Protein backbone atom coordinates (compact mmCIF):
# COMPACT_ATOMS: atom_id res chain seq x y z
CA MET A 1 98.79 123.37 113.99
CA ARG A 2 96.51 125.58 111.94
CA LEU A 3 97.37 128.46 109.65
CA SER A 4 96.05 131.86 110.66
CA THR A 5 94.41 134.27 108.24
CA ILE A 6 97.68 136.12 107.65
CA ASP A 7 99.43 132.80 107.01
CA LEU A 8 96.82 131.85 104.42
CA ILE A 9 97.20 135.23 102.73
CA VAL A 10 100.96 134.73 102.49
CA VAL A 11 100.51 131.27 100.97
CA ILE A 12 97.95 132.54 98.45
CA ILE A 13 100.24 135.41 97.44
CA TYR A 14 103.07 132.90 96.94
CA ALA A 15 100.90 130.60 94.81
CA ILE A 16 99.63 133.41 92.58
CA GLY A 17 103.07 135.00 92.33
CA ILE A 18 104.97 131.84 91.39
CA PHE A 19 102.31 130.78 88.89
CA GLY A 20 102.33 134.21 87.28
CA LEU A 21 106.11 134.28 87.16
CA ALA A 22 106.21 130.85 85.51
CA GLN A 23 103.82 132.02 82.79
CA TRP A 24 105.75 135.24 82.26
CA VAL A 25 109.20 133.67 81.85
CA SER A 26 107.81 131.04 79.46
CA ARG A 27 106.01 133.48 77.18
CA ASP A 28 106.81 133.26 73.46
CA LYS A 29 108.40 136.11 71.59
CA GLY A 30 106.31 137.60 68.81
CA GLY A 31 105.89 135.20 65.90
CA HIS A 32 107.70 132.31 67.61
CA GLU A 33 106.04 129.01 68.54
CA LYS A 34 107.62 126.60 71.00
CA ASP A 35 109.51 123.69 69.49
CA SER A 36 110.86 120.62 71.26
CA SER A 37 114.12 122.38 72.19
CA ASP A 38 112.17 125.22 73.80
CA TYR A 39 109.88 122.96 75.78
CA PHE A 40 112.21 120.16 76.86
CA LEU A 41 115.58 121.96 77.01
CA ALA A 42 114.56 125.59 77.69
CA SER A 43 115.99 126.53 74.25
CA LYS A 44 119.42 125.49 75.62
CA SER A 45 119.71 128.95 77.13
CA LEU A 46 119.72 128.46 80.91
CA PRO A 47 122.11 130.71 82.86
CA TRP A 48 124.27 129.34 85.68
CA TRP A 49 122.09 130.64 88.50
CA ALA A 50 118.99 128.96 87.06
CA ILE A 51 120.89 125.67 86.61
CA GLY A 52 122.23 125.65 90.17
CA ALA A 53 118.96 126.66 91.79
CA SER A 54 116.95 124.24 89.68
CA LEU A 55 119.25 121.34 90.54
CA ILE A 56 118.56 121.89 94.23
CA ALA A 57 114.85 122.59 93.76
CA ALA A 58 114.45 119.36 91.78
CA ASN A 59 116.30 117.46 94.50
CA ILE A 60 114.76 118.83 97.70
CA SER A 61 111.10 118.03 98.30
CA ALA A 62 108.84 117.23 101.24
CA GLU A 63 110.26 113.75 101.73
CA GLN A 64 113.77 115.20 102.00
CA ILE A 65 112.76 118.06 104.29
CA VAL A 66 110.50 116.09 106.61
CA GLY A 67 112.40 112.80 106.28
CA MET A 68 115.90 114.22 106.69
CA ALA A 69 114.87 116.36 109.64
CA GLY A 70 113.38 113.19 111.12
CA SER A 71 116.65 111.37 110.53
CA GLY A 72 118.44 114.27 112.22
CA TYR A 73 116.16 113.71 115.23
CA ALA A 74 116.82 109.94 115.26
CA ILE A 75 120.36 109.59 113.93
CA GLY A 76 121.91 113.04 114.14
CA LEU A 77 124.27 115.01 111.92
CA ALA A 78 125.55 111.83 110.23
CA ILE A 79 122.56 112.00 107.88
CA ALA A 80 124.12 115.20 106.47
CA SER A 81 126.59 113.02 104.57
CA TYR A 82 123.93 112.63 101.89
CA GLU A 83 124.09 116.39 101.32
CA TRP A 84 127.79 117.02 101.86
CA MET A 85 129.05 114.13 99.72
CA ALA A 86 126.61 115.22 97.00
CA ALA A 87 128.53 118.51 96.82
CA LEU A 88 131.71 116.63 95.94
CA THR A 89 129.83 114.42 93.48
CA LEU A 90 128.53 117.50 91.67
CA LEU A 91 132.09 118.68 91.06
CA ILE A 92 132.94 115.33 89.46
CA VAL A 93 129.83 115.52 87.27
CA GLY A 94 130.71 119.04 86.17
CA LYS A 95 134.36 118.26 85.38
CA PHE A 96 134.17 114.79 83.81
CA PHE A 97 130.61 113.99 82.68
CA LEU A 98 129.17 117.24 81.33
CA PRO A 99 131.95 117.86 78.76
CA ILE A 100 131.06 114.57 77.07
CA PHE A 101 127.29 115.02 77.28
CA LEU A 102 127.30 118.58 75.95
CA ARG A 103 129.88 117.91 73.22
CA ASN A 104 127.62 115.13 71.88
CA GLU A 105 124.45 117.25 72.21
CA ILE A 106 122.78 114.80 74.57
CA TYR A 107 119.29 115.78 75.71
CA THR A 108 118.14 112.59 77.46
CA MET A 109 119.97 109.77 79.21
CA PRO A 110 118.34 107.05 77.06
CA GLN A 111 119.55 108.96 73.99
CA PHE A 112 123.12 108.74 75.29
CA LEU A 113 122.71 104.98 75.76
CA GLU A 114 121.56 104.55 72.14
CA GLN A 115 124.42 106.62 70.74
CA ARG A 116 126.91 104.71 72.88
CA TYR A 117 125.55 101.16 72.80
CA GLY A 118 122.59 100.75 70.43
CA PRO A 119 118.80 101.19 70.16
CA SER A 120 117.70 98.23 72.29
CA ILE A 121 119.07 99.54 75.56
CA ARG A 122 117.67 103.02 74.85
CA THR A 123 114.13 101.68 74.64
CA LEU A 124 114.63 99.31 77.58
CA MET A 125 115.94 102.01 79.90
CA ALA A 126 113.43 104.62 78.71
CA VAL A 127 110.56 102.32 79.67
CA PHE A 128 112.26 101.49 82.98
CA TRP A 129 112.83 105.16 83.86
CA LEU A 130 109.25 106.08 82.96
CA ALA A 131 107.89 103.34 85.23
CA LEU A 132 110.25 104.32 88.05
CA TYR A 133 109.56 108.04 87.73
CA VAL A 134 105.77 107.68 87.57
CA PHE A 135 105.05 104.84 89.99
CA VAL A 136 107.85 105.41 92.51
CA ASN A 137 109.32 108.93 92.41
CA LEU A 138 106.42 111.11 91.28
CA THR A 139 103.92 109.13 93.35
CA SER A 140 106.07 109.40 96.47
CA ILE A 141 106.69 113.14 96.07
CA ILE A 142 103.02 114.07 95.94
CA TRP A 143 101.98 111.47 98.56
CA LEU A 144 104.56 112.44 101.16
CA GLY A 145 104.08 116.08 100.22
CA SER A 146 100.36 115.78 100.89
CA ILE A 147 101.13 114.28 104.31
CA ALA A 148 103.35 117.24 105.15
CA VAL A 149 100.69 119.74 104.02
CA THR A 150 98.03 117.91 106.03
CA GLN A 151 100.19 117.89 109.18
CA VAL A 152 100.94 121.58 108.97
CA ALA A 153 97.74 123.07 107.57
CA GLY A 154 95.10 120.53 108.55
CA VAL A 155 93.92 120.17 104.93
CA ASP A 156 92.24 116.90 103.97
CA GLN A 157 94.98 114.69 102.52
CA THR A 158 93.10 113.81 99.35
CA VAL A 159 92.51 117.50 98.67
CA ALA A 160 96.20 118.20 99.32
CA LEU A 161 97.24 115.32 97.04
CA VAL A 162 95.13 116.47 94.10
CA GLY A 163 95.90 120.14 94.68
CA LEU A 164 99.68 119.67 94.72
CA GLY A 165 99.64 117.47 91.62
CA LEU A 166 97.43 119.74 89.55
CA PHE A 167 99.20 122.95 90.59
CA ALA A 168 102.60 121.48 89.66
CA LEU A 169 101.19 120.35 86.30
CA LEU A 170 99.62 123.71 85.43
CA TYR A 171 102.69 125.56 86.71
CA GLN A 172 104.95 124.01 84.06
CA LEU A 173 102.48 122.89 81.38
CA LYS A 174 102.88 125.94 79.14
CA GLY A 175 106.57 126.69 79.49
CA GLY A 176 108.13 123.29 80.12
CA LEU A 177 111.66 123.26 81.52
CA LYS A 178 112.09 127.03 81.14
CA ALA A 179 109.10 127.70 83.42
CA VAL A 180 110.53 125.31 86.00
CA ALA A 181 114.18 126.35 85.90
CA LEU A 182 113.80 130.13 85.69
CA THR A 183 111.44 130.24 88.68
CA ASP A 184 113.41 127.80 90.82
CA ILE A 185 115.65 130.59 92.10
CA VAL A 186 112.55 131.89 93.91
CA GLN A 187 111.66 128.42 95.15
CA VAL A 188 115.17 127.77 96.48
CA THR A 189 115.37 131.20 98.10
CA LEU A 190 112.13 130.46 99.96
CA LEU A 191 113.33 126.98 100.90
CA VAL A 192 116.66 128.20 102.29
CA PHE A 193 115.10 131.18 104.06
CA GLY A 194 112.43 129.01 105.66
CA GLY A 195 114.90 126.41 106.91
CA LEU A 196 117.37 128.98 108.20
CA THR A 197 114.56 130.78 110.01
CA ILE A 198 113.52 127.59 111.81
CA SER A 199 117.16 126.82 112.66
CA TYR A 200 117.62 130.35 114.03
CA LEU A 201 114.50 130.20 116.20
CA THR A 202 115.15 126.70 117.54
CA LEU A 203 118.77 127.46 118.43
CA SER A 204 117.78 130.80 119.95
CA GLN A 205 115.23 129.08 122.17
CA ILE A 206 117.81 126.52 123.29
CA GLY A 207 120.48 129.18 123.86
CA GLY A 208 118.30 131.72 125.66
CA GLU A 209 120.33 134.84 126.40
CA ALA A 210 123.39 133.24 124.75
CA GLY A 211 121.63 133.44 121.37
CA VAL A 212 122.10 131.23 118.32
CA ILE A 213 125.79 130.43 118.84
CA GLY A 214 125.19 129.63 122.48
CA GLY A 215 122.21 127.51 121.46
CA PHE A 216 124.34 125.46 119.10
CA HIS A 217 126.98 124.86 121.79
CA GLU A 218 124.24 123.90 124.25
CA LEU A 219 122.76 121.51 121.68
CA THR A 220 126.13 119.79 121.19
CA ARG A 221 126.52 119.54 124.97
CA ARG A 222 123.07 118.10 125.65
CA ALA A 223 122.97 115.76 122.65
CA PRO A 224 126.62 114.94 121.84
CA GLU A 225 125.70 111.57 120.34
CA LYS A 226 123.84 113.42 117.55
CA PHE A 227 127.07 114.97 116.27
CA ASP A 228 128.98 111.83 115.25
CA MET A 229 129.51 112.02 111.49
CA ILE A 230 130.93 108.50 111.08
CA LEU A 231 128.85 105.90 112.93
CA SER A 232 130.54 102.98 114.65
CA ALA A 233 129.37 99.38 114.20
CA ASP A 234 127.65 99.37 117.60
CA ASN A 235 125.47 102.37 116.70
CA PRO A 236 121.79 101.35 116.33
CA PHE A 237 121.64 103.19 113.01
CA TYR A 238 124.83 101.70 111.56
CA LYS A 239 122.81 99.73 109.00
CA ASP A 240 121.47 103.00 107.56
CA LEU A 241 124.84 104.79 107.51
CA PRO A 242 127.57 102.13 107.73
CA GLY A 243 130.69 103.94 108.90
CA LEU A 244 133.19 104.84 106.21
CA SER A 245 130.82 103.72 103.44
CA VAL A 246 129.52 107.28 103.39
CA LEU A 247 133.02 108.47 102.40
CA ILE A 248 134.55 105.66 100.36
CA GLY A 249 131.77 103.12 99.84
CA GLY A 250 128.25 102.66 98.53
CA MET A 251 127.15 106.27 98.88
CA TRP A 252 129.30 107.08 95.85
CA ILE A 253 127.31 104.61 93.75
CA ALA A 254 124.04 106.26 94.70
CA ASN A 255 125.37 109.80 94.28
CA LEU A 256 126.97 109.25 90.87
CA SER A 257 123.81 107.63 89.56
CA TYR A 258 121.53 110.33 90.98
CA TRP A 259 123.51 113.47 90.15
CA GLY A 260 125.21 112.28 86.96
CA PHE A 261 122.79 109.97 85.15
CA ASN A 262 119.33 110.87 86.43
CA GLN A 263 117.28 112.60 83.72
CA TYR A 264 115.31 114.95 85.93
CA ILE A 265 118.50 116.17 87.60
CA ILE A 266 121.01 116.34 84.76
CA GLN A 267 118.45 117.80 82.33
CA ARG A 268 119.07 121.25 83.82
CA ALA A 269 122.76 121.16 82.98
CA LEU A 270 122.04 119.78 79.49
CA ALA A 271 119.96 122.90 78.85
CA ALA A 272 122.83 125.29 79.63
CA LYS A 273 123.96 128.07 77.29
CA SER A 274 127.44 126.53 77.24
CA LEU A 275 129.70 124.13 79.10
CA PRO A 276 131.30 126.88 81.26
CA GLU A 277 127.81 128.13 82.17
CA ALA A 278 126.75 124.58 83.13
CA GLN A 279 129.87 124.15 85.25
CA LYS A 280 129.25 127.44 87.08
CA GLY A 281 125.73 126.22 87.81
CA ILE A 282 127.13 122.95 89.14
CA VAL A 283 129.46 124.83 91.51
CA PHE A 284 126.58 127.00 92.71
CA ALA A 285 124.55 123.85 93.46
CA ALA A 286 127.53 122.29 95.29
CA PHE A 287 127.75 125.22 97.71
CA LEU A 288 123.99 125.10 98.25
CA LYS A 289 124.32 121.41 99.15
CA LEU A 290 126.89 122.32 101.82
CA LEU A 291 124.28 124.65 103.30
CA MET A 292 121.36 122.21 103.24
CA PRO A 293 122.06 120.41 106.56
CA LEU A 294 121.76 123.75 108.36
CA VAL A 295 118.43 124.25 106.61
CA ILE A 296 117.03 120.75 107.15
CA VAL A 297 119.00 118.62 109.64
CA VAL A 298 119.67 121.12 112.43
CA PRO A 299 115.96 121.71 113.16
CA GLY A 300 115.57 117.94 113.54
CA ILE A 301 118.47 117.73 116.01
CA ALA A 302 117.14 120.76 117.90
CA ALA A 303 113.85 118.90 118.37
CA VAL A 304 115.74 116.33 120.48
CA VAL A 305 116.05 119.05 123.14
CA LEU A 306 112.86 121.01 122.50
CA ALA A 307 110.50 118.07 121.87
CA PRO A 308 112.18 114.91 123.20
CA ASP A 309 109.03 112.77 123.32
CA LEU A 310 107.83 112.82 119.72
CA ALA A 311 105.88 109.74 118.66
CA LYS A 312 107.72 109.56 115.34
CA PRO A 313 110.98 111.22 114.20
CA ASP A 314 109.26 112.58 111.08
CA GLU A 315 107.18 114.84 113.32
CA ALA A 316 110.31 116.87 114.15
CA TYR A 317 110.13 119.45 111.34
CA PRO A 318 106.39 120.18 111.58
CA THR A 319 106.75 120.43 115.37
CA MET A 320 109.56 122.97 115.07
CA MET A 321 107.43 124.98 112.68
CA ARG A 322 105.09 125.65 115.60
CA LEU A 323 107.70 128.00 117.00
CA LEU A 324 107.05 130.40 114.14
CA PRO A 325 104.79 133.42 114.67
CA SER A 326 101.81 134.07 112.40
CA GLY A 327 102.84 135.43 109.03
CA LEU A 328 106.29 133.91 109.26
CA LEU A 329 104.66 130.49 109.59
CA GLY A 330 102.83 131.18 106.34
CA LEU A 331 106.08 132.12 104.63
CA VAL A 332 107.89 128.97 105.82
CA PHE A 333 104.85 126.87 104.89
CA ALA A 334 105.04 128.48 101.44
CA ALA A 335 108.69 127.38 101.34
CA LEU A 336 107.61 123.81 102.06
CA ILE A 337 105.02 124.03 99.28
CA ALA A 338 107.69 125.53 97.00
CA ALA A 339 109.93 122.51 97.55
CA ILE A 340 107.11 120.10 96.76
CA ILE A 341 105.92 121.97 93.67
CA ALA A 342 109.41 122.51 92.24
CA SER A 343 110.37 118.84 92.62
CA THR A 344 107.02 117.61 91.26
CA ALA A 345 107.14 119.93 88.25
CA SER A 346 110.71 118.85 87.50
CA LYS A 347 109.74 115.19 87.58
CA ILE A 348 106.68 115.78 85.37
CA ASN A 349 108.77 117.59 82.76
CA SER A 350 111.40 114.84 82.68
CA ILE A 351 108.73 112.16 82.25
CA ALA A 352 107.31 114.12 79.32
CA THR A 353 110.81 114.55 77.87
CA ILE A 354 111.70 110.85 77.97
CA PHE A 355 108.33 109.69 76.65
CA THR A 356 108.24 112.22 73.82
CA LEU A 357 111.86 112.23 72.67
CA ASP A 358 112.95 108.68 73.46
CA LEU A 359 109.80 106.74 72.56
CA TYR A 360 107.31 108.78 70.51
CA ALA A 361 109.75 110.79 68.38
CA LYS A 362 112.01 107.87 67.43
CA ARG A 363 109.88 106.79 64.49
CA THR A 364 109.68 110.40 63.27
CA SER A 365 113.42 111.01 63.47
CA GLU A 366 114.09 107.79 61.59
CA SER A 367 112.00 109.00 58.65
CA GLY A 368 113.84 112.30 58.24
CA ALA A 369 114.10 115.84 59.60
CA MET A 370 111.17 117.17 61.59
CA ASP A 371 109.23 120.12 60.19
CA LYS A 372 107.52 122.84 62.23
CA ALA A 373 104.24 120.93 62.34
CA MET A 374 105.98 117.92 63.87
CA GLU A 375 107.82 120.13 66.35
CA ARG A 376 104.47 121.53 67.51
CA LYS A 377 103.11 118.00 67.74
CA LEU A 378 106.02 116.92 69.95
CA VAL A 379 105.31 119.78 72.34
CA ARG A 380 101.63 118.77 72.40
CA VAL A 381 102.52 115.12 73.02
CA GLY A 382 104.82 116.21 75.83
CA ARG A 383 102.01 118.14 77.49
CA ILE A 384 99.65 115.18 77.16
CA ALA A 385 102.29 112.84 78.61
CA ALA A 386 102.80 115.22 81.54
CA SER A 387 99.05 115.33 82.21
CA VAL A 388 98.66 111.55 82.03
CA ALA A 389 101.67 111.01 84.31
CA ILE A 390 100.34 113.22 87.11
CA PHE A 391 96.86 111.69 86.79
CA ILE A 392 98.31 108.19 87.18
CA ALA A 393 100.42 109.30 90.15
CA ILE A 394 97.44 110.88 91.93
CA VAL A 395 95.32 107.75 91.43
CA ALA A 396 98.11 105.31 92.36
CA ALA A 397 99.51 107.17 95.37
CA ARG A 398 97.20 105.84 98.08
CA PRO A 399 97.11 102.19 96.89
CA LEU A 400 100.91 102.08 96.54
CA LEU A 401 102.00 104.08 99.58
CA GLY A 402 98.97 104.46 101.85
CA GLY A 403 99.85 101.40 103.94
CA ALA A 404 103.62 101.93 104.07
CA ASP A 405 105.10 102.79 107.48
CA GLN A 406 108.41 104.00 106.01
CA ALA A 407 107.64 104.91 102.43
CA PHE A 408 110.81 106.93 101.86
CA GLN A 409 113.13 104.15 103.07
CA PHE A 410 111.30 101.60 100.92
CA ILE A 411 111.62 103.84 97.87
CA GLN A 412 115.35 104.29 98.46
CA GLU A 413 115.84 100.54 98.76
CA PHE A 414 113.74 99.79 95.66
CA SER A 415 115.67 102.32 93.59
CA GLY A 416 118.89 100.84 94.96
CA PHE A 417 118.20 97.59 93.11
CA PHE A 418 118.86 99.42 89.84
CA THR A 419 121.39 102.05 90.89
CA PRO A 420 124.56 99.87 90.73
CA GLY A 421 123.77 98.68 87.20
CA ILE A 422 122.95 102.18 85.96
CA THR A 423 126.24 103.49 87.35
CA VAL A 424 128.19 100.67 85.67
CA ILE A 425 126.50 101.23 82.30
CA PHE A 426 127.22 104.95 82.19
CA LEU A 427 130.75 104.88 83.62
CA LEU A 428 131.82 102.22 81.11
CA GLY A 429 129.99 104.04 78.33
CA LEU A 430 131.77 107.29 79.13
CA PHE A 431 135.28 106.03 79.78
CA TRP A 432 135.81 102.55 78.26
CA LYS A 433 135.64 102.25 74.48
CA ARG A 434 135.36 98.46 74.46
CA ALA A 435 132.11 98.36 76.44
CA THR A 436 129.28 96.80 74.39
CA GLU A 437 125.51 96.62 74.52
CA ALA A 438 125.68 93.00 75.71
CA GLY A 439 127.79 94.09 78.68
CA ALA A 440 125.46 96.98 79.44
CA ILE A 441 122.31 94.86 79.40
CA GLY A 442 124.08 92.19 81.46
CA ALA A 443 124.99 94.77 84.11
CA ALA A 444 121.42 96.11 84.24
CA VAL A 445 119.91 92.64 84.72
CA ALA A 446 122.60 91.51 87.16
CA SER A 447 122.10 94.60 89.30
CA VAL A 448 118.45 93.75 89.95
CA LEU A 449 118.97 90.01 90.45
CA LEU A 450 122.04 90.33 92.68
CA SER A 451 120.42 93.06 94.80
CA TRP A 452 117.35 90.92 95.35
CA LEU A 453 119.45 87.83 96.10
CA LEU A 454 121.69 89.58 98.63
CA ARG A 455 118.73 91.25 100.30
CA SER A 456 117.08 87.82 100.66
CA VAL A 457 120.03 85.69 101.81
CA ALA A 458 122.04 88.35 103.70
CA PRO A 459 119.59 90.94 105.05
CA SER A 460 122.10 92.04 107.68
CA ILE A 461 124.36 93.64 105.05
CA PRO A 462 123.84 97.43 105.21
CA PHE A 463 122.08 98.89 102.20
CA MET A 464 125.08 100.98 101.09
CA ASP A 465 127.50 98.08 101.40
CA ARG A 466 125.16 95.88 99.36
CA MET A 467 125.07 98.52 96.60
CA ALA A 468 128.87 98.65 96.50
CA LEU A 469 129.16 94.86 96.33
CA VAL A 470 126.55 94.61 93.56
CA PHE A 471 128.29 97.43 91.68
CA PHE A 472 131.61 95.61 91.52
CA LEU A 473 130.00 92.28 90.62
CA SER A 474 127.95 93.93 87.84
CA LEU A 475 131.05 95.78 86.65
CA ALA A 476 132.99 92.53 86.38
CA LEU A 477 130.16 90.89 84.45
CA ALA A 478 129.86 93.87 82.09
CA VAL A 479 133.59 93.75 81.34
CA VAL A 480 133.54 89.99 80.68
CA LEU A 481 130.48 90.20 78.40
CA SER A 482 131.90 93.20 76.54
CA LEU A 483 135.11 91.30 75.82
CA ALA A 484 133.23 88.12 74.89
CA VAL A 485 130.44 89.60 72.77
CA LYS A 486 131.57 92.22 70.31
CA GLY A 487 129.33 95.16 69.57
CA ARG A 488 128.32 96.32 66.10
CA GLY A 489 131.05 98.28 64.37
CA ASN A 490 129.01 101.50 64.24
CA ALA A 491 127.30 101.12 67.63
CA ASN A 492 129.43 103.72 69.42
CA ARG A 493 128.57 107.16 68.04
CA ILE A 494 129.81 109.12 71.06
CA THR A 495 132.74 111.26 70.04
CA MET A 496 135.54 112.38 72.34
CA GLU A 497 136.94 114.74 69.72
CA GLY A 498 137.10 118.22 71.18
CA VAL A 499 136.21 117.02 74.68
CA ARG A 500 138.40 118.72 77.26
CA PHE A 501 138.34 118.03 80.97
CA GLN A 502 140.21 121.20 81.81
CA THR A 503 138.10 123.59 83.84
CA SER A 504 138.28 127.31 84.48
CA THR A 505 140.26 128.87 87.31
CA GLY A 506 136.99 129.86 88.97
CA PHE A 507 135.70 126.27 88.88
CA ASN A 508 139.00 124.94 90.24
CA VAL A 509 139.16 127.48 93.08
CA ALA A 510 135.52 126.80 93.99
CA GLY A 511 136.16 123.06 93.87
CA VAL A 512 139.11 123.35 96.22
CA GLY A 513 136.92 125.47 98.50
CA VAL A 514 134.24 122.76 98.61
CA ILE A 515 136.84 120.08 99.40
CA LEU A 516 138.45 122.14 102.18
CA ILE A 517 135.07 122.82 103.75
CA LEU A 518 134.24 119.11 103.67
CA ILE A 519 137.58 118.22 105.27
CA ALA A 520 136.93 120.77 108.03
CA LEU A 521 133.40 119.48 108.64
CA TYR A 522 134.37 115.83 108.90
CA ALA A 523 137.51 116.59 110.93
CA THR A 524 135.40 118.56 113.42
CA TRP A 525 132.69 115.92 113.93
CA TRP A 526 134.50 112.68 113.12
């Protein structure tokens, strides 16, 4: 596949337009210089639509688009559980987690850990998250993104790798989170439009004169095995999606950790104008998650009929893009680039936030209030940290991931070593007053050791089931250690005074709507 001249023009217009928009929305008002709140938390002024769109833009990148479409080709609609159960998780985050975070003016997840447990775990987890974000997440986004760009446009992969990284850096370097969040509505619109366009064209081709609806019915008739939402134990992909674990098992551990306690996701909600505004953004994101399988998974399933002999499942999405006419191909390719850039920029900004506020600024805050000069210095340090992070990721990408056959699956499994412990630490910190730093550190260490041990001695246990087992074992250890080793009397500085878990009528109605849609979806394709 090669882009035509009109396609290239469309992509260039997108790149110039989104870069210009990012600079415009992040401009300073007359006489005002950016401080740390401006740069890292968008002045705590994000509206609901920016929060919701930015949550999705930060989440969906090339590895999700290409990888999930590939899983749709191989496994079927069951892979959509990652998206649909995330919608329900978002409602829980909005109703139960955000009121506590916003009431206590939390701006980073390590900061919450210090205010709840003590300084040691803040530093420990800040270093861990920086290493994970730079060497695993950021590296994987630009590496797999460069593969997608190379497959579609024929660009040399090294050029694509460097180009994506530098563009994402420059895109958000001036404005920080505000530049990312306020332009993500454009990125998400492109992403959804591009995916829906491919779904429309693939289903239309399958349906012929019967159109899109007829194409979908024909697809379910010709590939019925791809529409089982809950996989049975004899399914060859049961280890990836082990039956009811997607509804009541390990997927909850992964989702709560990712959507509730992951800095580069939750940072958008922490920058909201108010709690109600954050909750409206969460609901908006939840409905977008319900839509995502139609955008990403359906084209992969359609490829089973239209291109049944693909060498690798991950070729499904790029192959379906070949159905697009010139001009429209450029627009959908721009949507793919938008997903990569938005996710990369979000990760860069969160790395800068954690390094600057959780490591560099700690010594400053301990010595007293920060003046304007120090605020400017923090913004400068954040920009330097962002630049260094993307440089490291570009250099490390090929050595770390160049020889991996299934980079995305490896990344998921590696992250899963830590996910159970992180979920334990935050859930106990939020909802159990007697949890101590000893229990939290014990859970973090146990999560890694137990995950490695179970993976070594019982490799047949599905990944999600292993996460659930490690979660409960780490939870038990954290409770025992918390009861046995008392924390310092002033360690817990998280207040519940004024925290209310009551939500607006609009949030409640929307939440019921999400739940009813999920029930209908799973009842239809059980």
